[in-house]
């Protein structure tokens, strides 16, 4: 099926969420579930996105059913979607080991596929604290992580120590692992552990600033954020 019009990145992200939800749950999401998954505060913003996808022939709706969204046709464009839904699977402390690692997720964020490239095992971790702010990682940011234990000296990593998760810069000397903060104010110290007492969850690929979606277009960034040019 040829779509009558191309989709905007916002519409692609919405359609991608609907596809993934239906594939995982064998039913369509409700308006409330769409709003939560796409981090939209206004239910009207959700219905506007659904209406735009319906106008463009990507979905159809039964307005008298709670889960009335269905995909139209094969809905399999030849070109990959420009956005990818990444599960947020944990929060990790940048200051100290005070945030529990989690094994399950309840939200997704949409990221540009160019950020992850050819990597396939990708997750997002929400940063807590500011000990990594000189690396551009601030409290509330989403850290995009390639899930792997294979990291090199100087990589920024998410490490698991006990049942806690931390984001730090990795260094290994013999069988000792140093997890360094990156903040010049001097109030943060490295975490030093034996290699067998820690586990590398993944390597930091990119950082997405914590955002507050106001509507489909506008994003409010926290005051310190300066977009890279």
N, C-alpha and C. Protein backbone atom coordinates (compact mmCIF):
# COMPACT_ATOMS: atom_id res chain seq x y z
N UNK A 1 0.85 -1.20 0.00
CA UNK A 1 0.00 0.00 0.00
C UNK A 1 0.88 1.24 0.00
N UNK A 2 0.62 2.17 -0.88
CA UNK A 2 1.35 3.43 -0.92
C UNK A 2 0.63 4.46 -0.09
N UNK A 3 1.35 5.06 0.81
CA UNK A 3 0.74 6.10 1.61
C UNK A 3 0.56 7.36 0.79
N UNK A 4 -0.55 8.10 0.96
CA UNK A 4 -0.79 9.30 0.17
C UNK A 4 0.19 10.40 0.49
N UNK A 5 0.70 10.43 1.71
CA UNK A 5 1.63 11.48 2.10
C UNK A 5 2.73 10.87 2.95
N UNK A 6 3.90 11.50 2.94
CA UNK A 6 4.97 11.03 3.82
C UNK A 6 4.64 11.41 5.26
N UNK A 7 5.28 10.72 6.19
CA UNK A 7 5.03 10.96 7.60
C UNK A 7 6.11 11.84 8.20
N UNK A 8 5.71 12.66 9.14
CA UNK A 8 6.68 13.45 9.89
C UNK A 8 7.35 12.54 10.91
N UNK A 9 8.52 12.94 11.47
CA UNK A 9 9.15 12.12 12.51
C UNK A 9 8.23 11.83 13.69
N UNK A 10 7.42 12.82 14.09
CA UNK A 10 6.48 12.61 15.20
C UNK A 10 5.45 11.55 14.83
N UNK A 11 4.93 11.61 13.60
CA UNK A 11 3.94 10.62 13.16
C UNK A 11 4.57 9.23 13.05
N UNK A 12 5.82 9.17 12.55
CA UNK A 12 6.52 7.88 12.46
C UNK A 12 6.72 7.28 13.85
N UNK A 13 7.09 8.12 14.82
CA UNK A 13 7.29 7.62 16.18
C UNK A 13 5.98 7.06 16.75
N UNK A 14 4.88 7.76 16.47
CA UNK A 14 3.57 7.31 16.96
C UNK A 14 3.18 5.99 16.30
N UNK A 15 3.35 5.92 14.99
CA UNK A 15 3.00 4.69 14.27
C UNK A 15 3.89 3.53 14.72
N UNK A 16 5.17 3.81 14.95
CA UNK A 16 6.09 2.77 15.40
C UNK A 16 5.67 2.24 16.77
N UNK A 17 5.26 3.14 17.66
CA UNK A 17 4.80 2.69 18.97
C UNK A 17 3.58 1.79 18.83
N UNK A 18 2.61 2.18 17.97
CA UNK A 18 1.40 1.38 17.78
C UNK A 18 1.77 0.00 17.23
N UNK A 19 2.65 -0.04 16.24
CA UNK A 19 3.09 -1.32 15.66
C UNK A 19 3.68 -2.23 16.75
N UNK A 20 4.63 -1.67 17.51
CA UNK A 20 5.32 -2.47 18.52
C UNK A 20 4.37 -2.93 19.62
N UNK A 21 3.44 -2.07 19.99
CA UNK A 21 2.49 -2.42 21.04
C UNK A 21 1.61 -3.58 20.57
N UNK A 22 1.09 -3.47 19.34
CA UNK A 22 0.23 -4.53 18.81
C UNK A 22 1.00 -5.84 18.70
N UNK A 23 2.26 -5.77 18.24
CA UNK A 23 3.08 -6.98 18.11
C UNK A 23 3.31 -7.64 19.46
N UNK A 24 3.51 -6.82 20.50
CA UNK A 24 3.82 -7.37 21.82
C UNK A 24 2.58 -7.82 22.58
N UNK A 25 1.44 -7.13 22.37
CA UNK A 25 0.27 -7.37 23.20
C UNK A 25 -0.92 -7.98 22.47
N UNK A 26 -0.80 -8.13 21.15
CA UNK A 26 -1.87 -8.70 20.34
C UNK A 26 -3.17 -7.90 20.42
N UNK A 27 -3.06 -6.64 20.74
CA UNK A 27 -4.19 -5.72 20.75
C UNK A 27 -3.65 -4.31 20.65
N UNK A 28 -4.50 -3.39 20.25
CA UNK A 28 -4.04 -2.01 20.09
C UNK A 28 -4.00 -1.29 21.43
N UNK A 29 -3.19 -0.24 21.55
CA UNK A 29 -3.14 0.52 22.79
C UNK A 29 -4.37 1.41 22.95
N UNK A 30 -4.70 1.73 24.19
CA UNK A 30 -5.73 2.72 24.46
C UNK A 30 -5.13 4.12 24.31
N UNK A 31 -5.98 5.13 24.31
CA UNK A 31 -5.50 6.51 24.24
C UNK A 31 -4.57 6.81 25.42
N UNK A 32 -4.97 6.35 26.60
CA UNK A 32 -4.15 6.59 27.80
C UNK A 32 -2.79 5.91 27.68
N UNK A 33 -2.76 4.68 27.19
CA UNK A 33 -1.50 3.96 27.03
C UNK A 33 -0.61 4.62 25.99
N UNK A 34 -1.22 5.12 24.91
CA UNK A 34 -0.44 5.86 23.92
C UNK A 34 0.18 7.10 24.53
N UNK A 35 -0.61 7.85 25.29
CA UNK A 35 -0.09 9.06 25.92
C UNK A 35 1.06 8.77 26.86
N UNK A 36 0.93 7.70 27.65
CA UNK A 36 1.99 7.34 28.59
C UNK A 36 3.24 6.88 27.84
N UNK A 37 3.06 6.05 26.82
CA UNK A 37 4.20 5.53 26.08
C UNK A 37 4.95 6.59 25.30
N UNK A 38 4.23 7.59 24.81
CA UNK A 38 4.85 8.67 24.03
C UNK A 38 5.18 9.87 24.89
N UNK A 39 4.91 9.79 26.20
CA UNK A 39 5.23 10.85 27.15
C UNK A 39 4.52 12.15 26.80
N UNK A 40 3.26 12.04 26.43
CA UNK A 40 2.43 13.20 26.13
C UNK A 40 1.51 13.48 27.32
N UNK A 41 1.48 14.71 27.77
CA UNK A 41 0.64 15.06 28.91
C UNK A 41 -0.82 15.27 28.53
N UNK A 42 -1.04 15.70 27.31
CA UNK A 42 -2.39 16.04 26.87
C UNK A 42 -2.98 14.91 26.04
N UNK A 43 -4.17 14.44 26.42
CA UNK A 43 -4.84 13.42 25.62
C UNK A 43 -5.23 13.97 24.25
N UNK A 44 -5.43 15.28 24.17
CA UNK A 44 -5.74 15.88 22.87
C UNK A 44 -4.56 15.73 21.91
N UNK A 45 -3.34 15.85 22.43
CA UNK A 45 -2.16 15.64 21.58
C UNK A 45 -2.14 14.23 21.02
N UNK A 46 -2.56 13.26 21.84
CA UNK A 46 -2.61 11.87 21.37
C UNK A 46 -3.64 11.73 20.26
N UNK A 47 -4.84 12.25 20.48
CA UNK A 47 -5.89 12.11 19.45
C UNK A 47 -5.52 12.84 18.16
N UNK A 48 -4.80 13.96 18.27
CA UNK A 48 -4.35 14.65 17.05
C UNK A 48 -3.40 13.78 16.25
N UNK A 49 -2.51 13.08 16.95
CA UNK A 49 -1.58 12.19 16.24
C UNK A 49 -2.33 11.05 15.57
N UNK A 50 -3.29 10.48 16.29
CA UNK A 50 -4.07 9.38 15.71
C UNK A 50 -4.85 9.86 14.50
N UNK A 51 -5.46 11.03 14.61
CA UNK A 51 -6.24 11.57 13.49
C UNK A 51 -5.35 11.81 12.27
N UNK A 52 -4.11 12.29 12.50
CA UNK A 52 -3.22 12.55 11.36
C UNK A 52 -2.82 11.24 10.69
N UNK A 53 -2.59 10.18 11.47
CA UNK A 53 -2.26 8.88 10.88
C UNK A 53 -3.45 8.29 10.14
N UNK A 54 -4.63 8.54 10.66
CA UNK A 54 -5.84 8.05 9.99
C UNK A 54 -6.05 8.78 8.66
N UNK A 55 -5.83 10.09 8.65
CA UNK A 55 -5.97 10.87 7.40
C UNK A 55 -4.99 10.39 6.34
N UNK A 56 -3.81 9.97 6.78
CA UNK A 56 -2.78 9.55 5.83
C UNK A 56 -2.89 8.07 5.47
N UNK A 57 -3.93 7.41 5.95
CA UNK A 57 -4.19 6.03 5.53
C UNK A 57 -3.33 4.99 6.20
N UNK A 58 -2.71 5.31 7.34
CA UNK A 58 -1.85 4.34 8.02
C UNK A 58 -2.61 3.47 9.01
N UNK A 59 -3.68 4.02 9.58
CA UNK A 59 -4.48 3.28 10.55
C UNK A 59 -5.95 3.54 10.27
N UNK A 60 -6.79 2.72 10.86
CA UNK A 60 -8.23 2.95 10.87
C UNK A 60 -8.70 2.80 12.32
N UNK A 61 -9.83 3.43 12.65
CA UNK A 61 -10.31 3.40 14.03
C UNK A 61 -11.79 3.04 14.10
N UNK A 62 -12.10 2.27 15.11
CA UNK A 62 -13.50 2.07 15.50
C UNK A 62 -13.70 2.94 16.74
N UNK A 63 -14.39 4.05 16.60
CA UNK A 63 -14.51 5.02 17.68
C UNK A 63 -15.40 4.55 18.82
N UNK A 64 -16.07 3.40 18.62
CA UNK A 64 -16.96 2.89 19.68
C UNK A 64 -16.29 1.78 20.48
N UNK A 65 -15.02 1.53 20.20
CA UNK A 65 -14.28 0.51 20.94
C UNK A 65 -13.11 1.16 21.67
N UNK A 66 -12.81 0.67 22.88
CA UNK A 66 -11.72 1.22 23.68
C UNK A 66 -10.36 0.97 23.01
N UNK A 67 -10.22 -0.18 22.38
CA UNK A 67 -8.99 -0.51 21.66
C UNK A 67 -9.33 -0.66 20.19
N UNK A 68 -9.69 0.47 19.59
CA UNK A 68 -10.25 0.42 18.25
C UNK A 68 -9.29 0.77 17.12
N UNK A 69 -7.99 0.88 17.42
CA UNK A 69 -7.02 1.22 16.38
C UNK A 69 -6.57 -0.06 15.68
N UNK A 70 -6.51 -0.03 14.36
CA UNK A 70 -5.93 -1.14 13.61
C UNK A 70 -5.05 -0.61 12.49
N UNK A 71 -4.00 -1.34 12.20
CA UNK A 71 -3.10 -0.98 11.11
C UNK A 71 -3.78 -1.27 9.78
N UNK A 72 -3.52 -0.45 8.78
CA UNK A 72 -4.16 -0.60 7.47
C UNK A 72 -3.16 -1.24 6.51
N UNK A 73 -3.63 -2.25 5.75
CA UNK A 73 -2.77 -2.90 4.78
C UNK A 73 -1.61 -3.61 5.46
N UNK A 74 -0.54 -3.81 4.74
CA UNK A 74 0.63 -4.48 5.31
C UNK A 74 1.39 -3.54 6.24
N UNK A 75 1.27 -2.23 5.98
CA UNK A 75 1.98 -1.23 6.77
C UNK A 75 3.45 -1.58 6.94
N UNK A 76 4.07 -1.94 5.80
CA UNK A 76 5.48 -2.32 5.84
C UNK A 76 6.26 -1.51 4.81
N UNK A 77 6.58 -0.25 5.12
CA UNK A 77 7.32 0.58 4.18
C UNK A 77 8.68 -0.01 3.88
N UNK A 78 9.14 0.16 2.65
CA UNK A 78 10.44 -0.42 2.27
C UNK A 78 11.59 0.25 2.99
N UNK A 79 11.48 1.54 3.22
CA UNK A 79 12.54 2.24 3.93
C UNK A 79 12.30 2.12 5.42
N UNK A 80 13.37 1.90 6.22
CA UNK A 80 13.17 1.80 7.66
C UNK A 80 12.67 3.10 8.25
N UNK A 81 11.91 2.99 9.33
CA UNK A 81 11.43 4.18 10.03
C UNK A 81 12.61 5.01 10.50
N UNK A 82 12.54 6.36 10.40
CA UNK A 82 13.65 7.19 10.87
C UNK A 82 13.80 7.19 12.38
N UNK A 83 12.80 6.66 13.08
CA UNK A 83 12.88 6.61 14.53
C UNK A 83 12.79 5.17 15.02
N UNK A 84 13.35 4.96 16.19
CA UNK A 84 13.38 3.64 16.80
C UNK A 84 12.87 3.78 18.23
N UNK A 85 11.95 2.91 18.64
CA UNK A 85 11.47 2.92 20.02
C UNK A 85 12.44 2.12 20.88
N UNK A 86 13.01 2.77 21.87
CA UNK A 86 14.01 2.15 22.74
C UNK A 86 13.41 2.00 24.13
N UNK A 87 13.47 0.79 24.71
CA UNK A 87 12.92 0.62 26.05
C UNK A 87 13.78 1.29 27.11
N UNK A 88 13.14 1.94 28.06
CA UNK A 88 13.83 2.50 29.22
C UNK A 88 13.79 1.42 30.30
N UNK A 89 14.95 0.81 30.60
CA UNK A 89 14.93 -0.39 31.43
C UNK A 89 15.41 -0.15 32.85
N UNK A 90 15.94 1.03 33.16
CA UNK A 90 16.44 1.26 34.51
C UNK A 90 16.71 2.73 34.71
N UNK A 91 16.93 3.08 35.98
CA UNK A 91 17.54 4.35 36.33
C UNK A 91 18.91 4.03 36.91
N UNK A 92 19.88 4.89 36.67
CA UNK A 92 21.23 4.65 37.18
C UNK A 92 21.77 5.90 37.82
N UNK A 93 22.41 5.74 38.98
CA UNK A 93 22.94 6.88 39.70
C UNK A 93 24.25 7.37 39.12
N UNK A 94 24.33 8.68 38.89
CA UNK A 94 25.60 9.29 38.50
C UNK A 94 26.36 9.79 39.73
N UNK A 95 25.68 9.94 40.86
CA UNK A 95 26.32 10.45 42.06
C UNK A 95 26.82 9.32 42.94
N UNK A 96 25.96 8.42 43.31
CA UNK A 96 26.33 7.33 44.20
C UNK A 96 25.47 6.12 43.87
N UNK A 97 25.78 5.01 44.52
CA UNK A 97 25.07 3.78 44.23
C UNK A 97 23.76 3.73 45.00
N UNK A 98 22.84 4.61 44.65
CA UNK A 98 21.59 4.69 45.40
C UNK A 98 20.36 4.44 44.53
N UNK A 99 20.55 3.91 43.33
CA UNK A 99 19.43 3.63 42.43
C UNK A 99 19.47 2.16 42.06
N UNK A 100 18.37 1.48 42.25
CA UNK A 100 18.33 0.05 41.98
C UNK A 100 18.34 -0.24 40.49
N UNK A 101 19.07 -1.27 40.13
CA UNK A 101 18.99 -1.79 38.76
C UNK A 101 17.65 -2.49 38.60
N UNK A 102 17.10 -2.45 37.40
CA UNK A 102 15.80 -3.06 37.13
C UNK A 102 15.92 -3.99 35.95
N UNK A 103 15.11 -5.04 35.95
CA UNK A 103 15.14 -6.02 34.87
C UNK A 103 13.94 -5.91 33.94
N UNK A 104 13.03 -4.97 34.20
CA UNK A 104 11.87 -4.84 33.35
C UNK A 104 11.64 -3.38 33.03
N UNK A 105 10.86 -3.12 31.98
CA UNK A 105 10.66 -1.74 31.56
C UNK A 105 9.18 -1.46 31.38
N UNK A 106 8.83 -0.18 31.49
CA UNK A 106 7.45 0.21 31.35
C UNK A 106 7.28 1.43 30.48
N UNK A 107 8.35 1.89 29.85
CA UNK A 107 8.22 3.05 28.97
C UNK A 107 9.22 2.94 27.84
N UNK A 108 8.98 3.72 26.79
CA UNK A 108 9.85 3.77 25.63
C UNK A 108 10.14 5.23 25.31
N UNK A 109 11.26 5.46 24.64
CA UNK A 109 11.51 6.76 24.03
C UNK A 109 11.84 6.53 22.56
N UNK A 110 11.45 7.49 21.72
CA UNK A 110 11.72 7.41 20.29
C UNK A 110 13.01 8.15 20.00
N UNK A 111 13.96 7.48 19.35
CA UNK A 111 15.24 8.10 19.01
C UNK A 111 15.50 7.95 17.52
N UNK A 112 16.30 8.85 17.00
CA UNK A 112 16.69 8.80 15.60
C UNK A 112 17.56 7.56 15.37
N UNK A 113 17.24 6.78 14.36
CA UNK A 113 18.01 5.56 14.07
C UNK A 113 19.48 5.86 13.81
N UNK A 114 19.78 7.06 13.33
CA UNK A 114 21.18 7.39 13.04
C UNK A 114 22.01 7.43 14.32
N UNK A 115 21.37 7.63 15.46
CA UNK A 115 22.10 7.66 16.73
C UNK A 115 22.70 6.29 17.03
N UNK A 116 21.94 5.22 16.76
CA UNK A 116 22.39 3.88 17.13
C UNK A 116 23.10 3.16 15.99
N UNK A 117 22.97 3.67 14.77
CA UNK A 117 23.65 3.05 13.64
C UNK A 117 23.21 1.61 13.43
N UNK A 118 24.18 0.72 13.25
CA UNK A 118 23.88 -0.69 13.00
C UNK A 118 23.71 -1.49 14.27
N UNK A 119 23.88 -0.86 15.42
CA UNK A 119 23.73 -1.60 16.68
C UNK A 119 22.29 -2.10 16.83
N UNK A 120 22.17 -3.29 17.41
CA UNK A 120 20.84 -3.88 17.55
C UNK A 120 20.40 -4.06 19.00
N UNK A 121 21.33 -4.25 19.90
CA UNK A 121 20.97 -4.49 21.31
C UNK A 121 21.08 -3.18 22.08
N UNK A 122 20.01 -2.40 22.04
CA UNK A 122 20.02 -1.03 22.55
C UNK A 122 18.98 -0.87 23.65
N UNK A 123 19.34 -0.11 24.67
CA UNK A 123 18.40 0.21 25.74
C UNK A 123 18.67 1.64 26.18
N UNK A 124 17.74 2.18 26.95
CA UNK A 124 17.91 3.51 27.52
C UNK A 124 17.90 3.40 29.04
N UNK A 125 18.73 4.23 29.67
CA UNK A 125 18.82 4.28 31.13
C UNK A 125 18.65 5.74 31.53
N UNK A 126 17.83 6.00 32.52
CA UNK A 126 17.62 7.37 32.97
C UNK A 126 18.67 7.73 34.03
N UNK A 127 19.38 8.83 33.80
CA UNK A 127 20.45 9.24 34.70
C UNK A 127 19.90 9.94 35.93
N UNK A 128 20.50 9.64 37.07
CA UNK A 128 20.13 10.28 38.33
C UNK A 128 21.41 10.87 38.94
N UNK A 129 21.44 12.19 39.13
CA UNK A 129 22.62 12.83 39.70
C UNK A 129 23.47 13.54 38.66
N UNK A 130 24.51 14.25 39.13
CA UNK A 130 25.28 15.12 38.24
C UNK A 130 26.78 14.86 38.26
N UNK A 131 27.23 13.71 38.74
CA UNK A 131 28.67 13.47 38.79
C UNK A 131 29.27 13.28 37.41
N UNK A 132 28.43 13.11 36.38
CA UNK A 132 28.93 12.94 35.01
C UNK A 132 28.61 14.15 34.13
N UNK A 133 28.37 15.30 34.73
CA UNK A 133 27.91 16.44 33.94
C UNK A 133 28.98 16.95 32.98
N UNK A 134 30.27 16.76 33.29
CA UNK A 134 31.31 17.19 32.36
C UNK A 134 31.37 16.29 31.12
N UNK A 135 30.71 15.16 31.18
CA UNK A 135 30.57 14.28 30.01
C UNK A 135 29.25 14.55 29.30
N UNK A 136 28.53 15.59 29.73
CA UNK A 136 27.26 15.94 29.10
C UNK A 136 26.09 15.12 29.58
N UNK A 137 26.24 14.44 30.73
CA UNK A 137 25.16 13.62 31.27
C UNK A 137 24.66 14.30 32.54
N UNK A 138 23.43 14.77 32.52
CA UNK A 138 22.84 15.49 33.64
C UNK A 138 21.69 14.70 34.24
N UNK A 139 21.32 15.08 35.42
CA UNK A 139 20.20 14.46 36.11
C UNK A 139 18.94 14.51 35.24
N UNK A 140 18.30 13.36 35.04
CA UNK A 140 17.08 13.31 34.24
C UNK A 140 17.29 13.01 32.77
N UNK A 141 18.55 13.00 32.31
CA UNK A 141 18.81 12.68 30.91
C UNK A 141 18.56 11.19 30.65
N UNK A 142 18.31 10.87 29.38
CA UNK A 142 18.22 9.48 28.96
C UNK A 142 19.53 9.10 28.27
N UNK A 143 20.19 8.09 28.81
CA UNK A 143 21.46 7.61 28.26
C UNK A 143 21.17 6.41 27.38
N UNK A 144 21.53 6.51 26.10
CA UNK A 144 21.34 5.40 25.17
C UNK A 144 22.55 4.48 25.28
N UNK A 145 22.28 3.21 25.52
CA UNK A 145 23.33 2.26 25.87
C UNK A 145 23.31 1.08 24.90
N UNK A 146 24.49 0.70 24.40
CA UNK A 146 24.63 -0.57 23.71
C UNK A 146 24.88 -1.63 24.77
N UNK A 147 23.99 -2.60 24.86
CA UNK A 147 24.10 -3.61 25.91
C UNK A 147 25.22 -4.59 25.52
N UNK A 148 26.34 -4.49 26.24
CA UNK A 148 27.50 -5.33 25.98
C UNK A 148 28.43 -5.30 27.18
N UNK A 149 29.16 -6.37 27.37
CA UNK A 149 30.18 -6.40 28.42
C UNK A 149 31.55 -6.04 27.87
N UNK A 150 31.63 -5.85 26.57
CA UNK A 150 32.93 -5.59 25.93
C UNK A 150 33.14 -4.08 25.81
N UNK A 151 33.92 -3.53 26.71
CA UNK A 151 34.20 -2.09 26.72
C UNK A 151 35.70 -1.88 26.81
N UNK A 152 36.13 -0.66 26.50
CA UNK A 152 37.54 -0.33 26.50
C UNK A 152 37.83 0.77 27.50
N UNK A 153 39.12 0.95 27.79
CA UNK A 153 39.54 1.99 28.72
C UNK A 153 38.99 3.35 28.26
N UNK A 154 38.41 4.08 29.20
CA UNK A 154 37.91 5.41 28.88
C UNK A 154 36.48 5.46 28.40
N UNK A 155 35.89 4.28 28.11
CA UNK A 155 34.48 4.28 27.71
C UNK A 155 33.60 4.72 28.87
N UNK A 156 32.51 5.38 28.56
CA UNK A 156 31.50 5.67 29.57
C UNK A 156 30.53 4.50 29.59
N UNK A 157 30.27 3.98 30.78
CA UNK A 157 29.54 2.73 30.88
C UNK A 157 28.43 2.83 31.92
N UNK A 158 27.51 1.88 31.81
CA UNK A 158 26.58 1.60 32.90
C UNK A 158 27.07 0.32 33.55
N UNK A 159 27.40 0.39 34.83
CA UNK A 159 27.92 -0.76 35.56
C UNK A 159 26.94 -1.15 36.66
N UNK A 160 26.89 -2.44 36.95
CA UNK A 160 26.05 -2.96 38.02
C UNK A 160 26.96 -3.42 39.14
N UNK A 161 26.73 -2.87 40.33
CA UNK A 161 27.48 -3.28 41.51
C UNK A 161 26.46 -3.72 42.55
N UNK A 162 26.47 -5.01 42.87
CA UNK A 162 25.40 -5.55 43.70
C UNK A 162 24.10 -5.44 42.93
N UNK A 163 23.12 -4.76 43.51
CA UNK A 163 21.87 -4.53 42.79
C UNK A 163 21.68 -3.06 42.47
N UNK A 164 22.79 -2.35 42.37
CA UNK A 164 22.76 -0.93 42.05
C UNK A 164 23.38 -0.69 40.67
N UNK A 165 22.90 0.35 40.01
CA UNK A 165 23.42 0.71 38.69
C UNK A 165 24.04 2.10 38.75
N UNK A 166 25.20 2.26 38.12
CA UNK A 166 25.87 3.56 38.09
C UNK A 166 26.34 3.85 36.67
N UNK A 167 26.45 5.14 36.36
CA UNK A 167 27.01 5.59 35.08
C UNK A 167 28.34 6.26 35.40
N UNK A 168 29.41 5.75 34.81
CA UNK A 168 30.74 6.27 35.11
C UNK A 168 31.67 6.04 33.91
N UNK A 169 32.88 6.57 34.01
CA UNK A 169 33.92 6.31 33.00
C UNK A 169 34.75 5.12 33.46
N UNK A 170 34.98 4.19 32.55
CA UNK A 170 35.58 2.90 32.88
C UNK A 170 37.09 2.92 32.76
N UNK A 171 37.75 2.32 33.76
CA UNK A 171 39.19 2.06 33.70
C UNK A 171 39.44 0.74 34.42
N UNK A 172 40.32 -0.06 33.87
CA UNK A 172 40.67 -1.34 34.50
C UNK A 172 42.19 -1.44 34.61
N UNK A 173 42.65 -1.77 35.80
CA UNK A 173 44.07 -2.00 36.05
C UNK A 173 44.20 -3.36 36.70
N UNK A 174 44.84 -4.30 36.00
CA UNK A 174 44.91 -5.69 36.45
C UNK A 174 43.48 -6.20 36.68
N UNK A 175 43.17 -6.63 37.91
CA UNK A 175 41.81 -7.13 38.17
C UNK A 175 40.99 -6.15 38.99
N UNK A 176 41.37 -4.87 38.95
CA UNK A 176 40.65 -3.84 39.68
C UNK A 176 39.97 -2.89 38.68
N UNK A 177 38.70 -2.60 38.92
CA UNK A 177 37.93 -1.70 38.06
C UNK A 177 37.75 -0.36 38.77
N UNK A 178 38.08 0.71 38.05
CA UNK A 178 37.87 2.07 38.54
C UNK A 178 36.73 2.68 37.74
N UNK A 179 35.73 3.16 38.44
CA UNK A 179 34.59 3.82 37.80
C UNK A 179 34.65 5.30 38.18
N UNK A 180 35.10 6.13 37.23
CA UNK A 180 35.42 7.52 37.52
C UNK A 180 34.23 8.45 37.26
N UNK A 181 33.99 9.41 38.14
CA UNK A 181 33.05 10.49 37.83
C UNK A 181 33.70 11.46 36.85
N UNK A 182 32.90 12.28 36.23
CA UNK A 182 33.42 13.34 35.36
C UNK A 182 32.71 14.64 35.73
N UNK A 183 33.23 15.25 36.79
CA UNK A 183 32.70 16.51 37.29
C UNK A 183 33.84 17.23 38.00
N UNK A 184 34.16 18.43 37.54
CA UNK A 184 35.36 19.13 38.02
C UNK A 184 35.20 19.79 39.38
N UNK A 185 34.02 19.71 39.98
CA UNK A 185 33.87 20.42 41.24
C UNK A 185 34.54 19.72 42.42
N UNK A 186 35.05 18.49 42.21
CA UNK A 186 35.87 17.84 43.23
C UNK A 186 35.12 17.14 44.33
N UNK A 187 33.80 17.12 44.30
CA UNK A 187 33.05 16.50 45.39
C UNK A 187 32.67 15.05 45.10
N UNK A 188 33.10 14.53 43.96
CA UNK A 188 32.79 13.16 43.59
C UNK A 188 34.07 12.34 43.51
N UNK A 189 33.99 11.07 43.88
CA UNK A 189 35.16 10.21 43.95
C UNK A 189 34.94 8.94 43.14
N UNK A 190 36.04 8.34 42.66
CA UNK A 190 35.89 7.09 41.90
C UNK A 190 35.34 5.97 42.78
N UNK A 191 34.66 5.05 42.13
CA UNK A 191 34.26 3.79 42.76
C UNK A 191 35.30 2.76 42.35
N UNK A 192 35.90 2.09 43.32
CA UNK A 192 36.97 1.12 43.05
C UNK A 192 36.50 -0.24 43.54
N UNK A 193 36.44 -1.21 42.64
CA UNK A 193 35.97 -2.55 43.00
C UNK A 193 36.81 -3.60 42.29
N UNK A 194 36.83 -4.79 42.87
CA UNK A 194 37.44 -5.93 42.17
C UNK A 194 36.57 -6.27 40.96
N UNK A 195 37.22 -6.77 39.91
CA UNK A 195 36.49 -7.04 38.68
C UNK A 195 35.33 -8.00 38.92
N UNK A 196 35.52 -9.02 39.77
CA UNK A 196 34.45 -10.00 39.97
C UNK A 196 33.28 -9.43 40.76
N UNK A 197 33.45 -8.25 41.36
CA UNK A 197 32.38 -7.65 42.16
C UNK A 197 31.55 -6.64 41.38
N UNK A 198 31.81 -6.52 40.10
CA UNK A 198 31.04 -5.59 39.27
C UNK A 198 30.72 -6.26 37.94
N UNK A 199 29.72 -5.71 37.27
CA UNK A 199 29.34 -6.21 35.95
C UNK A 199 29.07 -5.02 35.05
N UNK A 200 29.60 -5.06 33.84
CA UNK A 200 29.31 -4.02 32.86
C UNK A 200 28.02 -4.36 32.15
N UNK A 201 27.05 -3.47 32.27
CA UNK A 201 25.77 -3.66 31.58
C UNK A 201 25.86 -3.21 30.13
N UNK A 202 26.54 -2.07 29.89
CA UNK A 202 26.61 -1.58 28.53
C UNK A 202 27.46 -0.34 28.40
N UNK A 203 27.67 0.05 27.15
CA UNK A 203 28.49 1.21 26.80
C UNK A 203 27.59 2.35 26.34
N UNK A 204 27.87 3.54 26.85
CA UNK A 204 27.08 4.71 26.49
C UNK A 204 27.33 5.07 25.02
N UNK A 205 26.24 5.19 24.27
CA UNK A 205 26.30 5.53 22.84
C UNK A 205 25.99 7.01 22.63
N UNK A 206 24.98 7.50 23.35
CA UNK A 206 24.54 8.88 23.16
C UNK A 206 23.74 9.30 24.39
N UNK A 207 23.49 10.59 24.47
CA UNK A 207 22.72 11.13 25.59
C UNK A 207 21.60 11.99 25.03
N UNK A 208 20.39 11.75 25.49
CA UNK A 208 19.23 12.55 25.09
C UNK A 208 18.80 13.36 26.30
N UNK A 209 18.83 14.68 26.21
CA UNK A 209 18.47 15.51 27.37
C UNK A 209 17.07 15.20 27.87
N UNK A 210 16.89 15.25 29.17
CA UNK A 210 15.57 15.12 29.75
C UNK A 210 14.67 16.21 29.20
N UNK A 211 13.48 15.84 28.72
CA UNK A 211 12.61 16.80 28.05
C UNK A 211 11.22 16.74 28.63
N UNK A 212 10.51 17.82 28.44
CA UNK A 212 9.10 17.89 28.84
C UNK A 212 8.30 18.26 27.60
N UNK A 213 7.58 17.27 27.03
CA UNK A 213 6.83 17.54 25.81
C UNK A 213 5.61 18.39 26.13
N UNK A 214 5.50 19.54 25.45
CA UNK A 214 4.35 20.41 25.64
C UNK A 214 3.27 20.10 24.59
N UNK A 215 3.69 19.90 23.36
CA UNK A 215 2.77 19.46 22.33
C UNK A 215 3.58 18.69 21.30
N UNK A 216 3.03 18.49 20.11
CA UNK A 216 3.72 17.67 19.11
C UNK A 216 4.99 18.31 18.58
N UNK A 217 5.16 19.63 18.75
CA UNK A 217 6.29 20.32 18.14
C UNK A 217 7.28 20.80 19.19
N UNK A 218 6.80 21.50 20.19
CA UNK A 218 7.67 22.20 21.12
C UNK A 218 8.24 21.27 22.18
N UNK A 219 9.52 21.45 22.49
CA UNK A 219 10.16 20.73 23.58
C UNK A 219 10.76 21.77 24.50
N UNK A 220 10.58 21.60 25.81
CA UNK A 220 11.26 22.45 26.77
C UNK A 220 12.45 21.70 27.33
N UNK A 221 13.63 22.30 27.27
CA UNK A 221 14.83 21.70 27.83
C UNK A 221 15.11 22.32 29.18
N UNK A 222 15.82 21.58 30.03
CA UNK A 222 16.20 22.18 31.30
C UNK A 222 17.17 23.33 31.01
N UNK A 223 17.32 24.30 31.93
CA UNK A 223 17.99 25.57 31.63
C UNK A 223 19.42 25.45 31.15
N UNK A 224 20.19 24.44 31.63
CA UNK A 224 21.61 24.36 31.26
C UNK A 224 21.85 23.83 29.85
N UNK A 225 20.83 23.21 29.25
CA UNK A 225 21.08 22.46 28.04
C UNK A 225 21.37 23.38 26.85
N UNK A 226 22.45 23.08 26.16
CA UNK A 226 22.81 23.77 24.92
C UNK A 226 22.89 22.75 23.81
N UNK A 227 21.97 22.77 22.83
CA UNK A 227 22.01 21.78 21.74
C UNK A 227 23.33 21.82 21.00
N UNK A 228 23.84 20.64 20.67
CA UNK A 228 25.07 20.55 19.86
C UNK A 228 24.77 20.97 18.44
N UNK A 229 25.69 21.70 17.85
CA UNK A 229 25.49 22.18 16.48
C UNK A 229 26.40 21.41 15.53
